[in-house]
């Protein structure tokens, strides 16, 4: 396969992957939030707080993925 065609195919694959990563990360965030709420205020409150921090990082990551998709 000529290099240009391979590059074009790779670009199409990457576009699909970006969309998948963005959507799939939203699913993970929802699951994390559900468990964060279940654990909040219990003896596992420290775990809940760590999950809240993870959610913040995941949301930041998702924003960067969306920006990458726009720029691509």
Protein backbone atom coordinates (compact mmCIF):
# COMPACT_ATOMS: atom_id res chain seq x y z
CA UNK A 1 0.00 0.00 0.00
CA UNK A 2 1.37 3.37 -0.86
CA UNK A 3 2.32 5.60 2.08
CA UNK A 4 -0.32 8.25 1.34
CA UNK A 5 -3.13 5.66 1.34
CA UNK A 6 -1.81 4.12 4.55
CA UNK A 7 -1.67 7.55 6.18
CA UNK A 8 -5.23 8.32 5.07
CA UNK A 9 -6.45 4.98 6.42
CA UNK A 10 -4.66 5.64 9.72
CA UNK A 11 -6.36 9.03 9.94
CA UNK A 12 -9.79 7.45 9.50
CA UNK A 13 -9.03 4.86 12.17
CA UNK A 14 -7.81 7.60 14.52
CA UNK A 15 -11.02 9.64 14.02
CA UNK A 16 -13.09 6.62 14.99
CA UNK A 17 -10.88 5.91 18.00
CA UNK A 18 -11.13 9.50 19.23
CA UNK A 19 -14.93 9.37 19.11
CA UNK A 20 -14.90 6.01 20.91
CA UNK A 21 -12.53 7.26 23.62
CA UNK A 22 -14.65 10.37 24.21
CA UNK A 23 -17.89 8.40 24.48
CA UNK A 24 -16.40 5.56 26.48
CA UNK A 25 -14.78 7.89 28.98
CA UNK A 26 -18.21 9.41 29.65
CA UNK A 27 -19.50 5.93 30.48
CA UNK A 28 -16.66 5.42 32.94
CA UNK A 29 -17.27 8.80 34.57
CA UNK A 30 -20.93 7.86 35.13
CA UNK A 31 -19.92 4.61 36.80
CA UNK A 32 -17.34 6.33 38.97
CA UNK A 33 -19.88 8.95 40.05
CA UNK A 34 -22.38 6.27 41.01
CA UNK A 35 -19.86 4.58 43.30
CA UNK A 36 -18.59 7.89 44.63
CA UNK A 37 -22.12 8.70 45.81
CA UNK A 38 -22.65 5.25 47.31
CA UNK A 39 -19.47 5.57 49.36
CA UNK A 40 -19.82 9.23 50.33
CA UNK A 41 -20.42 9.80 54.03
CA UNK A 42 -19.67 6.20 54.94
CA UNK A 43 -16.58 4.67 56.49
CA UNK A 44 -15.29 4.71 52.90
CA UNK A 45 -15.57 8.49 52.54
CA UNK A 46 -11.83 8.76 51.79
CA UNK A 47 -12.35 6.37 48.89
CA UNK A 48 -15.25 8.50 47.68
CA UNK A 49 -13.03 11.58 47.76
CA UNK A 50 -10.35 9.84 45.70
CA UNK A 51 -12.94 8.79 43.16
CA UNK A 52 -14.12 12.42 42.98
CA UNK A 53 -10.56 13.46 42.14
CA UNK A 54 -10.36 10.73 39.50
CA UNK A 55 -13.60 12.01 37.97
CA UNK A 56 -12.13 15.51 37.73
CA UNK A 57 -9.07 14.14 35.92
CA UNK A 58 -11.20 12.02 33.60
CA UNK A 59 -13.34 15.04 32.72
CA UNK A 60 -10.19 17.05 32.00
CA UNK A 61 -8.86 14.22 29.86
CA UNK A 62 -12.17 14.04 27.99
CA UNK A 63 -12.01 17.78 27.25
CA UNK A 64 -8.53 17.34 25.78
CA UNK A 65 -9.74 14.44 23.64
CA UNK A 66 -12.61 16.58 22.35
CA UNK A 67 -10.20 19.40 21.57
CA UNK A 68 -7.93 16.94 19.75
CA UNK A 69 -10.92 15.77 17.70
CA UNK A 70 -11.75 19.36 16.71
CA UNK A 71 -8.15 20.12 15.80
CA UNK A 72 -7.80 16.90 13.83
